[in-house]
Amino acid sequence: AGCVFAAGVVPLPDGWGVGTEPLRFIGVLMMA
């Protein structure tokens, strides 16, 4: 999950108003 999230391959639904950066950061922590 860390690799997948950090790679930003999961598009968040429109209207959430949140970019992929938080998910990428969580991914890095999970990998670590």
Full PDB file with SEQRES, HELIX, SHEET, SSBOND, CRYST1, ORIGX, SCALE, CONECT and MASTER records, all heavy atoms in Angstrom:
SEQRES   1 A   32  ALA GLY CYS VAL PHE ALA ALA GLY VAL VAL PRO LEU PRO          
SEQRES   2 A   32  ASP GLY TRP GLY VAL GLY THR GLU PRO LEU ARG PHE ILE          
SEQRES   3 A   32  GLY VAL LEU MET MET ALA                                      
HELIX    1 AA1 GLY A    2  ALA A    7  1                                   6    
HELIX    2 AA2 GLU A   21  MET A   31  1                                  11    
CRYST1    1.000    1.000    1.000  90.00  90.00  90.00 P 1           1          
ORIGX1      1.000000  0.000000  0.000000        0.00000                         
ORIGX2      0.000000  1.000000  0.000000        0.00000                         
ORIGX3      0.000000  0.000000  1.000000        0.00000                         
SCALE1      1.000000  0.000000  0.000000        0.00000                         
SCALE2      0.000000  1.000000  0.000000        0.00000                         
SCALE3      0.000000  0.000000  1.000000        0.00000                         
ATOM      1  N   ALA A   1       0.835  -1.202   0.000  1.00  0.00           N  
ATOM      2  CA  ALA A   1       0.000   0.000   0.000  1.00  0.00           C  
ATOM      3  C   ALA A   1       0.870   1.251   0.000  1.00  0.00           C  
ATOM      4  O   ALA A   1       0.533   2.250  -0.653  1.00  0.00           O  
ATOM      5  CB  ALA A   1      -0.922  -0.001   1.224  1.00  0.00           C  
ATOM      6  N   GLY A   2       1.977   1.193   0.738  1.00  0.00           N  
ATOM      7  CA  GLY A   2       2.877   2.347   0.753  1.00  0.00           C  
ATOM      8  C   GLY A   2       3.394   2.683  -0.632  1.00  0.00           C  
ATOM      9  O   GLY A   2       3.400   3.855  -1.046  1.00  0.00           O  
ATOM     10  N   CYS A   3       3.801   1.663  -1.374  1.00  0.00           N  
ATOM     11  CA  CYS A   3       4.302   1.886  -2.738  1.00  0.00           C  
ATOM     12  C   CYS A   3       3.192   2.422  -3.649  1.00  0.00           C  
ATOM     13  O   CYS A   3       3.417   3.362  -4.429  1.00  0.00           O  
ATOM     14  CB  CYS A   3       4.856   0.584  -3.311  1.00  0.00           C  
ATOM     15  SG  CYS A   3       6.357  -0.006  -2.518  1.00  0.00           S  
ATOM     16  N   VAL A   4       1.999   1.831  -3.557  1.00  0.00           N  
ATOM     17  CA  VAL A   4       0.885   2.247  -4.410  1.00  0.00           C  
ATOM     18  C   VAL A   4       0.449   3.670  -4.085  1.00  0.00           C  
ATOM     19  O   VAL A   4       0.245   4.506  -4.980  1.00  0.00           O  
ATOM     20  CB  VAL A   4      -0.305   1.270  -4.255  1.00  0.00           C  
ATOM     21  CG1 VAL A   4      -1.541   1.800  -4.981  1.00  0.00           C  
ATOM     22  CG2 VAL A   4       0.068  -0.106  -4.792  1.00  0.00           C  
ATOM     23  N   PHE A   5       0.309   3.984  -2.789  1.00  0.00           N  
ATOM     24  CA  PHE A   5      -0.123   5.324  -2.392  1.00  0.00           C  
ATOM     25  C   PHE A   5       0.929   6.374  -2.745  1.00  0.00           C  
ATOM     26  O   PHE A   5       0.607   7.456  -3.227  1.00  0.00           O  
ATOM     27  CB  PHE A   5      -0.414   5.368  -0.892  1.00  0.00           C  
ATOM     28  CG  PHE A   5      -1.564   4.498  -0.453  1.00  0.00           C  
ATOM     29  CD1 PHE A   5      -1.758   4.187   0.884  1.00  0.00           C  
ATOM     30  CD2 PHE A   5      -2.466   3.975  -1.380  1.00  0.00           C  
ATOM     31  CE1 PHE A   5      -2.812   3.386   1.294  1.00  0.00           C  
ATOM     32  CE2 PHE A   5      -3.529   3.171  -0.989  1.00  0.00           C  
ATOM     33  CZ  PHE A   5      -3.691   2.875   0.359  1.00  0.00           C  
ATOM     34  N   ALA A   6       2.200   6.031  -2.472  1.00  0.00           N  
ATOM     35  CA  ALA A   6       3.275   6.994  -2.751  1.00  0.00           C  
ATOM     36  C   ALA A   6       3.407   7.269  -4.246  1.00  0.00           C  
ATOM     37  O   ALA A   6       3.798   8.374  -4.650  1.00  0.00           O  
ATOM     38  CB  ALA A   6       4.604   6.475  -2.188  1.00  0.00           C  
ATOM     39  N   ALA A   7       3.061   6.284  -5.066  1.00  0.00           N  
ATOM     40  CA  ALA A   7       3.154   6.469  -6.522  1.00  0.00           C  
ATOM     41  C   ALA A   7       2.021   7.325  -7.065  1.00  0.00           C  
ATOM     42  O   ALA A   7       2.083   7.796  -8.206  1.00  0.00           O  
ATOM     43  CB  ALA A   7       3.154   5.112  -7.218  1.00  0.00           C  
ATOM     44  N   GLY A   8       0.979   7.538  -6.263  1.00  0.00           N  
ATOM     45  CA  GLY A   8      -0.122   8.391  -6.690  1.00  0.00           C  
ATOM     46  C   GLY A   8      -0.979   7.812  -7.786  1.00  0.00           C  
ATOM     47  O   GLY A   8      -1.543   8.559  -8.597  1.00  0.00           O  
ATOM     48  N   VAL A   9      -1.120   6.483  -7.825  1.00  0.00           N  
ATOM     49  CA  VAL A   9      -1.884   5.858  -8.909  1.00  0.00           C  
ATOM     50  C   VAL A   9      -3.375   5.741  -8.568  1.00  0.00           C  
ATOM     51  O   VAL A   9      -4.155   5.281  -9.406  1.00  0.00           O  
ATOM     52  CB  VAL A   9      -1.315   4.452  -9.225  1.00  0.00           C  
ATOM     53  CG1 VAL A   9       0.112   4.544  -9.706  1.00  0.00           C  
ATOM     54  CG2 VAL A   9      -1.421   3.535  -8.010  1.00  0.00           C  
ATOM     55  N   VAL A  10      -3.748   6.141  -7.346  1.00  0.00           N  
ATOM     56  CA  VAL A  10      -5.160   6.056  -6.961  1.00  0.00           C  
ATOM     57  C   VAL A  10      -5.790   7.441  -7.094  1.00  0.00           C  
ATOM     58  O   VAL A  10      -5.527   8.336  -6.281  1.00  0.00           O  
ATOM     59  CB  VAL A  10      -5.318   5.556  -5.514  1.00  0.00           C  
ATOM     60  CG1 VAL A  10      -6.792   5.401  -5.170  1.00  0.00           C  
ATOM     61  CG2 VAL A  10      -4.586   4.236  -5.319  1.00  0.00           C  
ATOM     62  N   PRO A  11      -6.615   7.660  -8.104  1.00  0.00           N  
ATOM     63  CA  PRO A  11      -7.270   8.966  -8.259  1.00  0.00           C  
ATOM     64  C   PRO A  11      -8.377   9.140  -7.231  1.00  0.00           C  
ATOM     65  O   PRO A  11      -9.278   8.315  -7.129  1.00  0.00           O  
ATOM     66  CB  PRO A  11      -7.830   8.916  -9.679  1.00  0.00           C  
ATOM     67  CG  PRO A  11      -8.045   7.457  -9.951  1.00  0.00           C  
ATOM     68  CD  PRO A  11      -6.990   6.723  -9.178  1.00  0.00           C  
ATOM     69  N   LEU A  12      -8.308  10.219  -6.451  1.00  0.00           N  
ATOM     70  CA  LEU A  12      -9.347  10.488  -5.470  1.00  0.00           C  
ATOM     71  C   LEU A  12     -10.593  11.025  -6.177  1.00  0.00           C  
ATOM     72  O   LEU A  12     -10.495  11.701  -7.210  1.00  0.00           O  
ATOM     73  CB  LEU A  12      -8.847  11.485  -4.426  1.00  0.00           C  
ATOM     74  CG  LEU A  12      -7.660  11.006  -3.575  1.00  0.00           C  
ATOM     75  CD1 LEU A  12      -7.245  12.098  -2.594  1.00  0.00           C  
ATOM     76  CD2 LEU A  12      -8.014   9.740  -2.824  1.00  0.00           C  
ATOM     77  N   PRO A  13     -11.769  10.720  -5.646  1.00  0.00           N  
ATOM     78  CA  PRO A  13     -13.014  11.155  -6.303  1.00  0.00           C  
ATOM     79  C   PRO A  13     -13.102  12.670  -6.448  1.00  0.00           C  
ATOM     80  O   PRO A  13     -12.585  13.420  -5.602  1.00  0.00           O  
ATOM     81  CB  PRO A  13     -14.110  10.636  -5.350  1.00  0.00           C  
ATOM     82  CG  PRO A  13     -13.467   9.516  -4.604  1.00  0.00           C  
ATOM     83  CD  PRO A  13     -12.027   9.908  -4.450  1.00  0.00           C  
ATOM     84  N   ASP A  14     -13.740  13.106  -7.521  1.00  0.00           N  
ATOM     85  CA  ASP A  14     -13.948  14.533  -7.741  1.00  0.00           C  
ATOM     86  C   ASP A  14     -14.815  15.118  -6.629  1.00  0.00           C  
ATOM     87  O   ASP A  14     -15.746  14.498  -6.147  1.00  0.00           O  
ATOM     88  CB  ASP A  14     -14.636  14.768  -9.091  1.00  0.00           C  
ATOM     89  CG  ASP A  14     -13.768  14.310 -10.255  1.00  0.00           C  
ATOM     90  OD1 ASP A  14     -12.531  14.291 -10.089  1.00  0.00           O  
ATOM     91  OD2 ASP A  14     -14.333  13.958 -11.311  1.00  0.00           O  
ATOM     92  N   GLY A  15     -14.485  16.318  -6.251  1.00  0.00           N  
ATOM     93  CA  GLY A  15     -15.267  16.995  -5.230  1.00  0.00           C  
ATOM     94  C   GLY A  15     -14.760  16.816  -3.820  1.00  0.00           C  
ATOM     95  O   GLY A  15     -15.278  17.422  -2.883  1.00  0.00           O  
ATOM     96  N   TRP A  16     -13.748  15.965  -3.642  1.00  0.00           N  
ATOM     97  CA  TRP A  16     -13.210  15.778  -2.297  1.00  0.00           C  
ATOM     98  C   TRP A  16     -12.377  16.979  -1.855  1.00  0.00           C  
ATOM     99  O   TRP A  16     -12.214  17.227  -0.678  1.00  0.00           O  
ATOM    100  CB  TRP A  16     -12.373  14.505  -2.244  1.00  0.00           C  
ATOM    101  CG  TRP A  16     -13.207  13.270  -2.034  1.00  0.00           C  
ATOM    102  CD1 TRP A  16     -14.502  13.088  -2.425  1.00  0.00           C  
ATOM    103  CD2 TRP A  16     -12.809  12.064  -1.391  1.00  0.00           C  
ATOM    104  NE1 TRP A  16     -14.937  11.837  -2.073  1.00  0.00           N  
ATOM    105  CE2 TRP A  16     -13.919  11.183  -1.440  1.00  0.00           C  
ATOM    106  CE3 TRP A  16     -11.630  11.634  -0.801  1.00  0.00           C  
ATOM    107  CZ2 TRP A  16     -13.873   9.896  -0.896  1.00  0.00           C  
ATOM    108  CZ3 TRP A  16     -11.584  10.354  -0.268  1.00  0.00           C  
ATOM    109  CH2 TRP A  16     -12.697   9.504  -0.304  1.00  0.00           C  
ATOM    110  N   GLY A  17     -11.829  17.681  -2.834  1.00  0.00           N  
ATOM    111  CA  GLY A  17     -11.034  18.856  -2.516  1.00  0.00           C  
ATOM    112  C   GLY A  17      -9.705  18.541  -1.868  1.00  0.00           C  
ATOM    113  O   GLY A  17      -9.080  19.398  -1.232  1.00  0.00           O  
ATOM    114  N   VAL A  18      -9.264  17.293  -1.997  1.00  0.00           N  
ATOM    115  CA  VAL A  18      -7.988  16.869  -1.413  1.00  0.00           C  
ATOM    116  C   VAL A  18      -7.139  16.283  -2.526  1.00  0.00           C  
ATOM    117  O   VAL A  18      -7.599  15.412  -3.271  1.00  0.00           O  
ATOM    118  CB  VAL A  18      -8.196  15.827  -0.309  1.00  0.00           C  
ATOM    119  CG1 VAL A  18      -6.859  15.382   0.270  1.00  0.00           C  
ATOM    120  CG2 VAL A  18      -9.096  16.390   0.790  1.00  0.00           C  
ATOM    121  N   GLY A  19      -5.917  16.759  -2.629  1.00  0.00           N  
ATOM    122  CA  GLY A  19      -5.012  16.225  -3.632  1.00  0.00           C  
ATOM    123  C   GLY A  19      -4.433  14.886  -3.199  1.00  0.00           C  
ATOM    124  O   GLY A  19      -4.802  14.327  -2.168  1.00  0.00           O  
ATOM    125  N   THR A  20      -3.507  14.375  -3.992  1.00  0.00           N  
ATOM    126  CA  THR A  20      -2.902  13.082  -3.687  1.00  0.00           C  
ATOM    127  C   THR A  20      -1.747  13.193  -2.695  1.00  0.00           C  
ATOM    128  O   THR A  20      -1.235  12.162  -2.239  1.00  0.00           O  
ATOM    129  CB  THR A  20      -2.378  12.433  -4.983  1.00  0.00           C  
ATOM    130  OG1 THR A  20      -1.406  13.308  -5.602  1.00  0.00           O  
ATOM    131  CG2 THR A  20      -3.520  12.170  -5.953  1.00  0.00           C  
ATOM    132  N   GLU A  21      -1.331  14.437  -2.354  1.00  0.00           N  
ATOM    133  CA  GLU A  21      -0.167  14.598  -1.495  1.00  0.00           C  
ATOM    134  C   GLU A  21      -0.335  13.936  -0.122  1.00  0.00           C  
ATOM    135  O   GLU A  21       0.585  13.243   0.339  1.00  0.00           O  
ATOM    136  CB  GLU A  21       0.173  16.091  -1.322  1.00  0.00           C  
ATOM    137  CG  GLU A  21       0.806  16.748  -2.537  1.00  0.00           C  
ATOM    138  CD  GLU A  21      -0.208  16.987  -3.662  1.00  0.00           C  
ATOM    139  OE1 GLU A  21      -1.426  16.948  -3.362  1.00  0.00           O  
ATOM    140  OE2 GLU A  21       0.221  17.183  -4.803  1.00  0.00           O  
ATOM    141  N   PRO A  22      -1.482  14.112   0.579  1.00  0.00           N  
ATOM    142  CA  PRO A  22      -1.618  13.425   1.880  1.00  0.00           C  
ATOM    143  C   PRO A  22      -1.514  11.913   1.761  1.00  0.00           C  
ATOM    144  O   PRO A  22      -0.896  11.258   2.609  1.00  0.00           O  
ATOM    145  CB  PRO A  22      -3.009  13.862   2.352  1.00  0.00           C  
ATOM    146  CG  PRO A  22      -3.269  15.150   1.648  1.00  0.00           C  
ATOM    147  CD  PRO A  22      -2.627  14.991   0.305  1.00  0.00           C  
ATOM    148  N   LEU A  23      -2.121  11.342   0.702  1.00  0.00           N  
ATOM    149  CA  LEU A  23      -2.058   9.901   0.511  1.00  0.00           C  
ATOM    150  C   LEU A  23      -0.625   9.471   0.197  1.00  0.00           C  
ATOM    151  O   LEU A  23      -0.179   8.411   0.659  1.00  0.00           O  
ATOM    152  CB  LEU A  23      -2.998   9.487  -0.616  1.00  0.00           C  
ATOM    153  CG  LEU A  23      -3.346   7.993  -0.704  1.00  0.00           C  
ATOM    154  CD1 LEU A  23      -3.999   7.515   0.581  1.00  0.00           C  
ATOM    155  CD2 LEU A  23      -4.267   7.735  -1.894  1.00  0.00           C  
ATOM    156  N   ARG A  24       0.092  10.282  -0.567  1.00  0.00           N  
ATOM    157  CA  ARG A  24       1.495   9.974  -0.850  1.00  0.00           C  
ATOM    158  C   ARG A  24       2.326   9.966   0.434  1.00  0.00           C  
ATOM    159  O   ARG A  24       3.165   9.081   0.644  1.00  0.00           O  
ATOM    160  CB  ARG A  24       2.080  10.994  -1.827  1.00  0.00           C  
ATOM    161  CG  ARG A  24       1.587  10.874  -3.265  1.00  0.00           C  
ATOM    162  CD  ARG A  24       2.151  12.006  -4.101  1.00  0.00           C  
ATOM    163  NE  ARG A  24       1.681  11.981  -5.466  1.00  0.00           N  
ATOM    164  CZ  ARG A  24       2.325  11.395  -6.484  1.00  0.00           C  
ATOM    165  NH1 ARG A  24       3.470  10.776  -6.256  1.00  0.00           N  
ATOM    166  NH2 ARG A  24       1.819  11.421  -7.708  1.00  0.00           N  
ATOM    167  N   PHE A  25       2.080  10.944   1.294  1.00  0.00           N  
ATOM    168  CA  PHE A  25       2.820  11.029   2.556  1.00  0.00           C  
ATOM    169  C   PHE A  25       2.532   9.816   3.434  1.00  0.00           C  
ATOM    170  O   PHE A  25       3.448   9.228   4.024  1.00  0.00           O  
ATOM    171  CB  PHE A  25       2.441  12.317   3.294  1.00  0.00           C  
ATOM    172  CG  PHE A  25       3.129  12.476   4.621  1.00  0.00           C  
ATOM    173  CD1 PHE A  25       4.494  12.741   4.686  1.00  0.00           C  
ATOM    174  CD2 PHE A  25       2.413  12.354   5.795  1.00  0.00           C  
ATOM    175  CE1 PHE A  25       5.128  12.877   5.909  1.00  0.00           C  
ATOM    176  CE2 PHE A  25       3.033  12.503   7.029  1.00  0.00           C  
ATOM    177  CZ  PHE A  25       4.399  12.764   7.085  1.00  0.00           C  
ATOM    178  N   ILE A  26       1.254   9.414   3.503  1.00  0.00           N  
ATOM    179  CA  ILE A  26       0.891   8.220   4.266  1.00  0.00           C  
ATOM    180  C   ILE A  26       1.590   6.994   3.683  1.00  0.00           C  
ATOM    181  O   ILE A  26       2.073   6.116   4.422  1.00  0.00           O  
ATOM    182  CB  ILE A  26      -0.637   8.031   4.261  1.00  0.00           C  
ATOM    183  CG1 ILE A  26      -1.313   9.155   5.051  1.00  0.00           C  
ATOM    184  CG2 ILE A  26      -1.021   6.669   4.839  1.00  0.00           C  
ATOM    185  CD1 ILE A  26      -2.827   9.142   4.952  1.00  0.00           C  
ATOM    186  N   GLY A  27       1.664   6.943   2.359  1.00  0.00           N  
ATOM    187  CA  GLY A  27       2.338   5.823   1.713  1.00  0.00           C  
ATOM    188  C   GLY A  27       3.801   5.733   2.098  1.00  0.00           C  
ATOM    189  O   GLY A  27       4.323   4.646   2.362  1.00  0.00           O  
ATOM    190  N   VAL A  28       4.464   6.852   2.144  1.00  0.00           N  
ATOM    191  CA  VAL A  28       5.883   6.863   2.537  1.00  0.00           C  
ATOM    192  C   VAL A  28       6.040   6.357   3.964  1.00  0.00           C  
ATOM    193  O   VAL A  28       6.960   5.569   4.268  1.00  0.00           O  
ATOM    194  CB  VAL A  28       6.466   8.277   2.378  1.00  0.00           C  
ATOM    195  CG1 VAL A  28       7.868   8.356   2.983  1.00  0.00           C  
ATOM    196  CG2 VAL A  28       6.505   8.678   0.904  1.00  0.00           C  
ATOM    197  N   LEU A  29       5.164   6.784   4.866  1.00  0.00           N  
ATOM    198  CA  LEU A  29       5.240   6.331   6.255  1.00  0.00           C  
ATOM    199  C   LEU A  29       5.015   4.819   6.351  1.00  0.00           C  
ATOM    200  O   LEU A  29       5.680   4.126   7.129  1.00  0.00           O  
ATOM    201  CB  LEU A  29       4.198   7.064   7.106  1.00  0.00           C  
ATOM    202  CG  LEU A  29       4.408   8.569   7.325  1.00  0.00           C  
ATOM    203  CD1 LEU A  29       3.281   9.139   8.181  1.00  0.00           C  
ATOM    204  CD2 LEU A  29       5.758   8.835   7.989  1.00  0.00           C  
ATOM    205  N   MET A  30       4.078   4.301   5.559  1.00  0.00           N  
ATOM    206  CA  MET A  30       3.805   2.866   5.583  1.00  0.00           C  
ATOM    207  C   MET A  30       4.993   2.073   5.056  1.00  0.00           C  
ATOM    208  O   MET A  30       5.356   1.024   5.610  1.00  0.00           O  
ATOM    209  CB  MET A  30       2.549   2.566   4.768  1.00  0.00           C  
ATOM    210  CG  MET A  30       1.285   3.181   5.342  1.00  0.00           C  
ATOM    211  SD  MET A  30      -0.173   2.957   4.281  1.00  0.00           S  
ATOM    212  CE  MET A  30      -0.502   1.218   4.519  1.00  0.00           C  
ATOM    213  N   MET A  31       5.613   2.559   3.999  1.00  0.00           N  
ATOM    214  CA  MET A  31       6.806   1.902   3.488  1.00  0.00           C  
ATOM    215  C   MET A  31       7.910   1.895   4.536  1.00  0.00           C  
ATOM    216  O   MET A  31       8.589   0.878   4.740  1.00  0.00           O  
ATOM    217  CB  MET A  31       7.292   2.606   2.216  1.00  0.00           C  
ATOM    218  CG  MET A  31       6.382   2.453   1.017  1.00  0.00           C  
ATOM    219  SD  MET A  31       6.869   3.538  -0.361  1.00  0.00           S  
ATOM    220  CE  MET A  31       8.523   2.960  -0.681  1.00  0.00           C  
ATOM    221  N   ALA A  32       8.067   3.015   5.214  1.00  0.00           N  
ATOM    222  CA  ALA A  32       9.115   3.120   6.236  1.00  0.00           C  
ATOM    223  C   ALA A  32       8.874   2.133   7.377  1.00  0.00           C  
ATOM    224  O   ALA A  32       9.817   1.515   7.891  1.00  0.00           O  
ATOM    225  CB  ALA A  32       9.174   4.549   6.776  1.00  0.00           C  
TER     226      ALA A  32                                                      
MASTER        0    0    0    2    0    0    0    6  225    1    0    3          
END                                                                             
